[in-house]
All heavy atoms as atom14 arrays in JSON, in Angstrom:
{
  "sequence": "GATDYIDADLHDPGTVLREASRTLDLTQPVALTLMQ",
  "atom14_mask": [
    [1, 1, 1, 1, 0, 0, 0, 0, 0, 0, 0, 0, 0, 0],
    [1, 1, 1, 1, 1, 0, 0, 0, 0, 0, 0, 0, 0, 0],
    [1, 1, 1, 1, 1, 1, 1, 0, 0, 0, 0, 0, 0, 0],
    [1, 1, 1, 1, 1, 1, 1, 1, 0, 0, 0, 0, 0, 0],
    [1, 1, 1, 1, 1, 1, 1, 1, 1, 1, 1, 1, 0, 0],
    [1, 1, 1, 1, 1, 1, 1, 1, 0, 0, 0, 0, 0, 0],
    [1, 1, 1, 1, 1, 1, 1, 1, 0, 0, 0, 0, 0, 0],
    [1, 1, 1, 1, 1, 0, 0, 0, 0, 0, 0, 0, 0, 0],
    [1, 1, 1, 1, 1, 1, 1, 1, 0, 0, 0, 0, 0, 0],
    [1, 1, 1, 1, 1, 1, 1, 1, 0, 0, 0, 0, 0, 0],
    [1, 1, 1, 1, 1, 1, 1, 1, 1, 1, 0, 0, 0, 0],
    [1, 1, 1, 1, 1, 1, 1, 1, 0, 0, 0, 0, 0, 0],
    [1, 1, 1, 1, 1, 1, 1, 0, 0, 0, 0, 0, 0, 0],
    [1, 1, 1, 1, 0, 0, 0, 0, 0, 0, 0, 0, 0, 0],
    [1, 1, 1, 1, 1, 1, 1, 0, 0, 0, 0, 0, 0, 0],
    [1, 1, 1, 1, 1, 1, 1, 0, 0, 0, 0, 0, 0, 0],
    [1, 1, 1, 1, 1, 1, 1, 1, 0, 0, 0, 0, 0, 0],
    [1, 1, 1, 1, 1, 1, 1, 1, 1, 1, 1, 0, 0, 0],
    [1, 1, 1, 1, 1, 1, 1, 1, 1, 0, 0, 0, 0, 0],
    [1, 1, 1, 1, 1, 0, 0, 0, 0, 0, 0, 0, 0, 0],
    [1, 1, 1, 1, 1, 1, 0, 0, 0, 0, 0, 0, 0, 0],
    [1, 1, 1, 1, 1, 1, 1, 1, 1, 1, 1, 0, 0, 0],
    [1, 1, 1, 1, 1, 1, 1, 0, 0, 0, 0, 0, 0, 0],
    [1, 1, 1, 1, 1, 1, 1, 1, 0, 0, 0, 0, 0, 0],
    [1, 1, 1, 1, 1, 1, 1, 1, 0, 0, 0, 0, 0, 0],
    [1, 1, 1, 1, 1, 1, 1, 1, 0, 0, 0, 0, 0, 0],
    [1, 1, 1, 1, 1, 1, 1, 0, 0, 0, 0, 0, 0, 0],
    [1, 1, 1, 1, 1, 1, 1, 1, 1, 0, 0, 0, 0, 0],
    [1, 1, 1, 1, 1, 1, 1, 0, 0, 0, 0, 0, 0, 0],
    [1, 1, 1, 1, 1, 1, 1, 0, 0, 0, 0, 0, 0, 0],
    [1, 1, 1, 1, 1, 0, 0, 0, 0, 0, 0, 0, 0, 0],
    [1, 1, 1, 1, 1, 1, 1, 1, 0, 0, 0, 0, 0, 0],
    [1, 1, 1, 1, 1, 1, 1, 0, 0, 0, 0, 0, 0, 0],
    [1, 1, 1, 1, 1, 1, 1, 1, 0, 0, 0, 0, 0, 0],
    [1, 1, 1, 1, 1, 1, 1, 1, 0, 0, 0, 0, 0, 0],
    [1, 1, 1, 1, 1, 1, 1, 1, 1, 0, 0, 0, 0, 0]
  ],
  "atom14_positions": [
    [[-0.85, 4.8, -4.51], [-0.57, 5.0, -5.93], [-1.15, 6.29, -6.47], [-1.44, 7.22, -5.72], [0.0, 0.0, 0.0], [0.0, 0.0, 0.0], [0.0, 0.0, 0.0], [0.0, 0.0, 0.0], [0.0, 0.0, 0.0], [0.0, 0.0, 0.0], [0.0, 0.0, 0.0], [0.0, 0.0, 0.0], [0.0, 0.0, 0.0], [0.0, 0.0, 0.0]],
    [[-1.32, 6.33, -7.79], [-1.89, 7.51, -8.44], [-2.56, 7.09, -9.74], [-2.12, 6.15, -10.41], [-0.81, 8.54, -8.72], [0.0, 0.0, 0.0], [0.0, 0.0, 0.0], [0.0, 0.0, 0.0], [0.0, 0.0, 0.0], [0.0, 0.0, 0.0], [0.0, 0.0, 0.0], [0.0, 0.0, 0.0], [0.0, 0.0, 0.0], [0.0, 0.0, 0.0]],
    [[-3.63, 7.78, -10.08], [-4.31, 7.57, -11.36], [-4.64, 8.94, -11.93], [-5.14, 9.82, -11.24], [-5.61, 6.77, -11.18], [-5.34, 5.55, -10.51], [-6.25, 6.47, -12.52], [0.0, 0.0, 0.0], [0.0, 0.0, 0.0], [0.0, 0.0, 0.0], [0.0, 0.0, 0.0], [0.0, 0.0, 0.0], [0.0, 0.0, 0.0], [0.0, 0.0, 0.0]],
    [[-4.33, 9.12, -13.22], [-4.61, 10.4, -13.87], [-5.16, 10.15, -15.26], [-5.01, 9.06, -15.82], [-3.33, 11.25, -13.95], [-3.63, 12.73, -14.18], [-4.82, 13.1, -14.18], [-2.67, 13.5, -14.35], [0.0, 0.0, 0.0], [0.0, 0.0, 0.0], [0.0, 0.0, 0.0], [0.0, 0.0, 0.0], [0.0, 0.0, 0.0], [0.0, 0.0, 0.0]],
    [[-5.83, 11.16, -15.79], [-6.37, 11.11, -17.14], [-5.9, 12.35, -17.87], [-5.99, 13.46, -17.34], [-7.91, 11.08, -17.1], [-8.53, 11.25, -18.47], [-8.79, 10.14, -19.27], [-8.81, 12.51, -18.97], [-9.33, 10.3, -20.52], [-9.35, 12.68, -20.23], [-9.61, 11.58, -21.01], [-10.14, 11.73, -22.26], [0.0, 0.0, 0.0], [0.0, 0.0, 0.0]],
    [[-5.38, 12.16, -19.09], [-4.99, 13.33, -19.89], [-5.74, 13.32, -21.21], [-5.96, 12.27, -21.81], [-3.46, 13.41, -20.11], [-2.93, 12.19, -20.85], [-2.74, 13.58, -18.8], [-1.44, 12.28, -21.16], [0.0, 0.0, 0.0], [0.0, 0.0, 0.0], [0.0, 0.0, 0.0], [0.0, 0.0, 0.0], [0.0, 0.0, 0.0], [0.0, 0.0, 0.0]],
    [[-6.16, 14.49, -21.6], [-6.87, 14.68, -22.86], [-5.82, 14.96, -23.93], [-5.31, 16.07, -24.05], [-7.84, 15.86, -22.71], [-8.7, 16.08, -23.95], [-8.6, 15.28, -24.89], [-9.47, 17.07, -23.97], [0.0, 0.0, 0.0], [0.0, 0.0, 0.0], [0.0, 0.0, 0.0], [0.0, 0.0, 0.0], [0.0, 0.0, 0.0], [0.0, 0.0, 0.0]],
    [[-5.45, 13.94, -24.68], [-4.4, 14.07, -25.7], [-4.68, 13.08, -26.82], [-5.47, 12.15, -26.68], [-3.02, 13.82, -25.08], [0.0, 0.0, 0.0], [0.0, 0.0, 0.0], [0.0, 0.0, 0.0], [0.0, 0.0, 0.0], [0.0, 0.0, 0.0], [0.0, 0.0, 0.0], [0.0, 0.0, 0.0], [0.0, 0.0, 0.0], [0.0, 0.0, 0.0]],
    [[-4.02, 13.31, -27.95], [-4.26, 12.55, -29.17], [-3.11, 11.6, -29.44], [-1.94, 11.99, -29.4], [-4.42, 13.53, -30.35], [-4.99, 12.88, -31.59], [-4.68, 11.7, -31.84], [-5.73, 13.56, -32.33], [0.0, 0.0, 0.0], [0.0, 0.0, 0.0], [0.0, 0.0, 0.0], [0.0, 0.0, 0.0], [0.0, 0.0, 0.0], [0.0, 0.0, 0.0]],
    [[-3.43, 10.34, -29.76], [-2.42, 9.34, -30.11], [-1.52, 9.83, -31.23], [-0.34, 9.47, -31.29], [-3.12, 8.04, -30.51], [-2.27, 6.89, -31.04], [-1.25, 6.44, -30.0], [-3.16, 5.72, -31.45], [0.0, 0.0, 0.0], [0.0, 0.0, 0.0], [0.0, 0.0, 0.0], [0.0, 0.0, 0.0], [0.0, 0.0, 0.0], [0.0, 0.0, 0.0]],
    [[-2.05, 10.66, -32.12], [-1.26, 11.15, -33.25], [-0.16, 12.13, -32.8], [0.68, 12.5, -33.62], [-2.16, 11.86, -34.26], [-3.09, 10.93, -34.99], [-4.26, 10.48, -34.43], [-3.01, 10.38, -36.23], [-4.88, 9.69, -35.31], [-4.14, 9.61, -36.4], [0.0, 0.0, 0.0], [0.0, 0.0, 0.0], [0.0, 0.0, 0.0], [0.0, 0.0, 0.0]],
    [[-0.17, 12.54, -31.54], [0.8, 13.51, -31.03], [1.55, 12.9, -29.85], [1.31, 13.24, -28.7], [0.06, 14.79, -30.6], [1.0, 15.91, -30.2], [2.23, 15.72, -30.28], [0.5, 16.98, -29.8], [0.0, 0.0, 0.0], [0.0, 0.0, 0.0], [0.0, 0.0, 0.0], [0.0, 0.0, 0.0], [0.0, 0.0, 0.0], [0.0, 0.0, 0.0]],
    [[2.47, 11.96, -30.13], [3.15, 11.25, -29.04], [3.96, 12.17, -28.14], [4.12, 11.89, -26.95], [4.03, 10.24, -29.76], [4.18, 10.76, -31.15], [2.9, 11.47, -31.45], [0.0, 0.0, 0.0], [0.0, 0.0, 0.0], [0.0, 0.0, 0.0], [0.0, 0.0, 0.0], [0.0, 0.0, 0.0], [0.0, 0.0, 0.0], [0.0, 0.0, 0.0]],
    [[4.49, 13.27, -28.69], [5.26, 14.2, -27.86], [4.43, 14.78, -26.74], [4.87, 14.84, -25.59], [0.0, 0.0, 0.0], [0.0, 0.0, 0.0], [0.0, 0.0, 0.0], [0.0, 0.0, 0.0], [0.0, 0.0, 0.0], [0.0, 0.0, 0.0], [0.0, 0.0, 0.0], [0.0, 0.0, 0.0], [0.0, 0.0, 0.0], [0.0, 0.0, 0.0]],
    [[3.22, 15.22, -27.08], [2.33, 15.77, -26.06], [1.91, 14.69, -25.06], [1.85, 14.94, -23.85], [1.08, 16.39, -26.71], [1.5, 17.49, -27.53], [0.09, 16.87, -25.67], [0.0, 0.0, 0.0], [0.0, 0.0, 0.0], [0.0, 0.0, 0.0], [0.0, 0.0, 0.0], [0.0, 0.0, 0.0], [0.0, 0.0, 0.0], [0.0, 0.0, 0.0]],
    [[1.63, 13.49, -25.56], [1.25, 12.39, -24.66], [2.34, 12.16, -23.62], [2.07, 12.09, -22.41], [1.0, 11.1, -25.47], [0.87, 9.9, -24.52], [-0.26, 11.24, -26.32], [0.0, 0.0, 0.0], [0.0, 0.0, 0.0], [0.0, 0.0, 0.0], [0.0, 0.0, 0.0], [0.0, 0.0, 0.0], [0.0, 0.0, 0.0], [0.0, 0.0, 0.0]],
    [[3.59, 12.06, -24.07], [4.69, 11.8, -23.15], [4.91, 12.97, -22.19], [5.15, 12.76, -20.99], [5.97, 11.5, -23.93], [5.96, 10.18, -24.7], [7.14, 10.12, -25.66], [5.99, 8.98, -23.75], [0.0, 0.0, 0.0], [0.0, 0.0, 0.0], [0.0, 0.0, 0.0], [0.0, 0.0, 0.0], [0.0, 0.0, 0.0], [0.0, 0.0, 0.0]],
    [[4.84, 14.18, -22.7], [5.05, 15.35, -21.84], [3.99, 15.42, -20.75], [4.31, 15.64, -19.57], [5.03, 16.63, -22.69], [5.34, 17.89, -21.86], [5.31, 19.14, -22.71], [3.99, 19.45, -23.22], [3.64, 19.34, -24.5], [4.5, 18.89, -25.4], [2.41, 19.65, -24.88], [0.0, 0.0, 0.0], [0.0, 0.0, 0.0], [0.0, 0.0, 0.0]],
    [[2.73, 15.23, -21.12], [1.67, 15.31, -20.13], [1.71, 14.12, -19.16], [1.44, 14.27, -17.97], [0.31, 15.38, -20.84], [0.09, 16.65, -21.63], [0.14, 17.89, -20.77], [-0.5, 17.9, -19.7], [0.83, 18.85, -21.15], [0.0, 0.0, 0.0], [0.0, 0.0, 0.0], [0.0, 0.0, 0.0], [0.0, 0.0, 0.0], [0.0, 0.0, 0.0]],
    [[2.06, 12.95, -19.68], [2.14, 11.77, -18.81], [3.23, 11.93, -17.76], [3.12, 11.39, -16.65], [2.39, 10.52, -19.65], [0.0, 0.0, 0.0], [0.0, 0.0, 0.0], [0.0, 0.0, 0.0], [0.0, 0.0, 0.0], [0.0, 0.0, 0.0], [0.0, 0.0, 0.0], [0.0, 0.0, 0.0], [0.0, 0.0, 0.0], [0.0, 0.0, 0.0]],
    [[4.28, 12.68, -18.11], [5.41, 12.83, -17.18], [5.03, 13.61, -15.93], [5.79, 13.64, -14.96], [6.57, 13.53, -17.89], [6.28, 14.89, -18.18], [0.0, 0.0, 0.0], [0.0, 0.0, 0.0], [0.0, 0.0, 0.0], [0.0, 0.0, 0.0], [0.0, 0.0, 0.0], [0.0, 0.0, 0.0], [0.0, 0.0, 0.0], [0.0, 0.0, 0.0]],
    [[3.85, 14.24, -15.92], [3.4, 14.93, -14.71], [3.05, 13.93, -13.6], [3.08, 14.26, -12.43], [2.17, 15.8, -15.03], [2.42, 16.89, -16.06], [1.11, 17.6, -16.39], [1.26, 18.55, -17.47], [1.6, 19.84, -17.32], [1.79, 20.31, -16.1], [1.71, 20.64, -18.36], [0.0, 0.0, 0.0], [0.0, 0.0, 0.0], [0.0, 0.0, 0.0]],
    [[2.69, 12.7, -14.02], [2.32, 11.67, -13.05], [3.31, 10.52, -13.02], [3.56, 9.93, -11.96], [0.92, 11.11, -13.4], [-0.04, 12.19, -13.36], [0.48, 10.04, -12.42], [0.0, 0.0, 0.0], [0.0, 0.0, 0.0], [0.0, 0.0, 0.0], [0.0, 0.0, 0.0], [0.0, 0.0, 0.0], [0.0, 0.0, 0.0], [0.0, 0.0, 0.0]],
    [[3.89, 10.19, -14.18], [4.82, 9.07, -14.29], [6.25, 9.57, -14.3], [6.54, 10.65, -14.83], [4.55, 8.28, -15.57], [3.12, 7.78, -15.8], [3.03, 7.02, -17.12], [2.65, 6.91, -14.64], [0.0, 0.0, 0.0], [0.0, 0.0, 0.0], [0.0, 0.0, 0.0], [0.0, 0.0, 0.0], [0.0, 0.0, 0.0], [0.0, 0.0, 0.0]],
    [[7.15, 8.79, -13.75], [8.58, 9.05, -13.81], [9.13, 8.33, -15.04], [9.31, 7.11, -15.03], [9.27, 8.55, -12.54], [10.78, 8.75, -12.56], [11.31, 9.24, -13.57], [11.42, 8.4, -11.55], [0.0, 0.0, 0.0], [0.0, 0.0, 0.0], [0.0, 0.0, 0.0], [0.0, 0.0, 0.0], [0.0, 0.0, 0.0], [0.0, 0.0, 0.0]],
    [[9.38, 9.09, -16.11], [9.77, 8.47, -17.37], [11.24, 8.07, -17.39], [11.75, 7.65, -18.44], [9.45, 9.4, -18.54], [7.97, 9.76, -18.71], [7.73, 10.5, -20.02], [7.08, 8.53, -18.62], [0.0, 0.0, 0.0], [0.0, 0.0, 0.0], [0.0, 0.0, 0.0], [0.0, 0.0, 0.0], [0.0, 0.0, 0.0], [0.0, 0.0, 0.0]],
    [[11.93, 8.16, -16.25], [13.26, 7.57, -16.15], [13.18, 6.14, -15.62], [14.18, 5.44, -15.56], [14.17, 8.39, -15.22], [13.71, 8.28, -13.87], [14.2, 9.86, -15.63], [0.0, 0.0, 0.0], [0.0, 0.0, 0.0], [0.0, 0.0, 0.0], [0.0, 0.0, 0.0], [0.0, 0.0, 0.0], [0.0, 0.0, 0.0], [0.0, 0.0, 0.0]],
    [[11.96, 5.72, -15.22], [11.73, 4.38, -14.7], [10.79, 3.63, -15.65], [10.0, 4.23, -16.37], [11.12, 4.45, -13.3], [12.01, 5.13, -12.27], [13.32, 4.38, -12.07], [13.33, 3.15, -11.94], [14.44, 5.12, -12.06], [0.0, 0.0, 0.0], [0.0, 0.0, 0.0], [0.0, 0.0, 0.0], [0.0, 0.0, 0.0], [0.0, 0.0, 0.0]],
    [[10.86, 2.28, -15.67], [10.06, 1.52, -16.64], [8.57, 1.84, -16.59], [7.99, 2.06, -15.53], [10.33, 0.07, -16.23], [11.7, 0.11, -15.62], [11.75, 1.41, -14.88], [0.0, 0.0, 0.0], [0.0, 0.0, 0.0], [0.0, 0.0, 0.0], [0.0, 0.0, 0.0], [0.0, 0.0, 0.0], [0.0, 0.0, 0.0], [0.0, 0.0, 0.0]],
    [[7.99, 1.86, -17.78], [6.56, 2.13, -17.96], [6.01, 1.05, -18.89], [6.67, 0.68, -19.87], [6.32, 3.51, -18.58], [4.84, 3.73, -18.89], [6.86, 4.62, -17.68], [0.0, 0.0, 0.0], [0.0, 0.0, 0.0], [0.0, 0.0, 0.0], [0.0, 0.0, 0.0], [0.0, 0.0, 0.0], [0.0, 0.0, 0.0], [0.0, 0.0, 0.0]],
    [[4.81, 0.57, -18.62], [4.13, -0.34, -19.54], [3.15, 0.48, -20.37], [2.23, 1.11, -19.83], [3.4, -1.43, -18.78], [0.0, 0.0, 0.0], [0.0, 0.0, 0.0], [0.0, 0.0, 0.0], [0.0, 0.0, 0.0], [0.0, 0.0, 0.0], [0.0, 0.0, 0.0], [0.0, 0.0, 0.0], [0.0, 0.0, 0.0], [0.0, 0.0, 0.0]],
    [[3.36, 0.5, -21.68], [2.48, 1.18, -22.62], [1.45, 0.17, -23.13], [1.82, -0.89, -23.64], [3.3, 1.73, -23.79], [2.53, 2.26, -25.0], [1.73, 3.5, -24.63], [3.5, 2.56, -26.15], [0.0, 0.0, 0.0], [0.0, 0.0, 0.0], [0.0, 0.0, 0.0], [0.0, 0.0, 0.0], [0.0, 0.0, 0.0], [0.0, 0.0, 0.0]],
    [[0.18, 0.47, -22.97], [-0.87, -0.43, -23.46], [-1.64, 0.24, -24.59], [-2.1, 1.38, -24.46], [-1.83, -0.86, -22.34], [-2.59, 0.27, -21.89], [-1.07, -1.45, -21.16], [0.0, 0.0, 0.0], [0.0, 0.0, 0.0], [0.0, 0.0, 0.0], [0.0, 0.0, 0.0], [0.0, 0.0, 0.0], [0.0, 0.0, 0.0], [0.0, 0.0, 0.0]],
    [[-1.78, -0.5, -25.69], [-2.52, -0.05, -26.87], [-3.44, -1.19, -27.28], [-3.01, -2.15, -27.91], [-1.57, 0.3, -28.02], [-0.62, 1.48, -27.79], [0.47, 1.49, -28.85], [-1.4, 2.8, -27.82], [0.0, 0.0, 0.0], [0.0, 0.0, 0.0], [0.0, 0.0, 0.0], [0.0, 0.0, 0.0], [0.0, 0.0, 0.0], [0.0, 0.0, 0.0]],
    [[-4.7, -1.1, -26.91], [-5.65, -2.17, -27.14], [-6.69, -1.76, -28.17], [-7.53, -0.91, -27.9], [-6.33, -2.56, -25.82], [-5.37, -2.96, -24.7], [-4.56, -4.53, -25.08], [-3.13, -4.44, -23.99], [0.0, 0.0, 0.0], [0.0, 0.0, 0.0], [0.0, 0.0, 0.0], [0.0, 0.0, 0.0], [0.0, 0.0, 0.0], [0.0, 0.0, 0.0]],
    [[-6.6, -2.34, -29.36], [-7.58, -2.07, -30.41], [-7.68, -0.57, -30.72], [-8.77, -0.02, -30.85], [-8.95, -2.63, -30.02], [-9.01, -4.15, -29.98], [-9.11, -4.81, -31.34], [-9.76, -4.28, -32.24], [-8.46, -5.95, -31.5], [0.0, 0.0, 0.0], [0.0, 0.0, 0.0], [0.0, 0.0, 0.0], [0.0, 0.0, 0.0], [0.0, 0.0, 0.0]]
  ]
}
């Protein structure tokens, strides 16, 4: 598998998705977790 960490702000979802796409294939299902 793979594990990555990105330094990004929840208030900027565009940047979150763009940076996450370096590790995740956003054409395939993803589980988004938002805990507290």
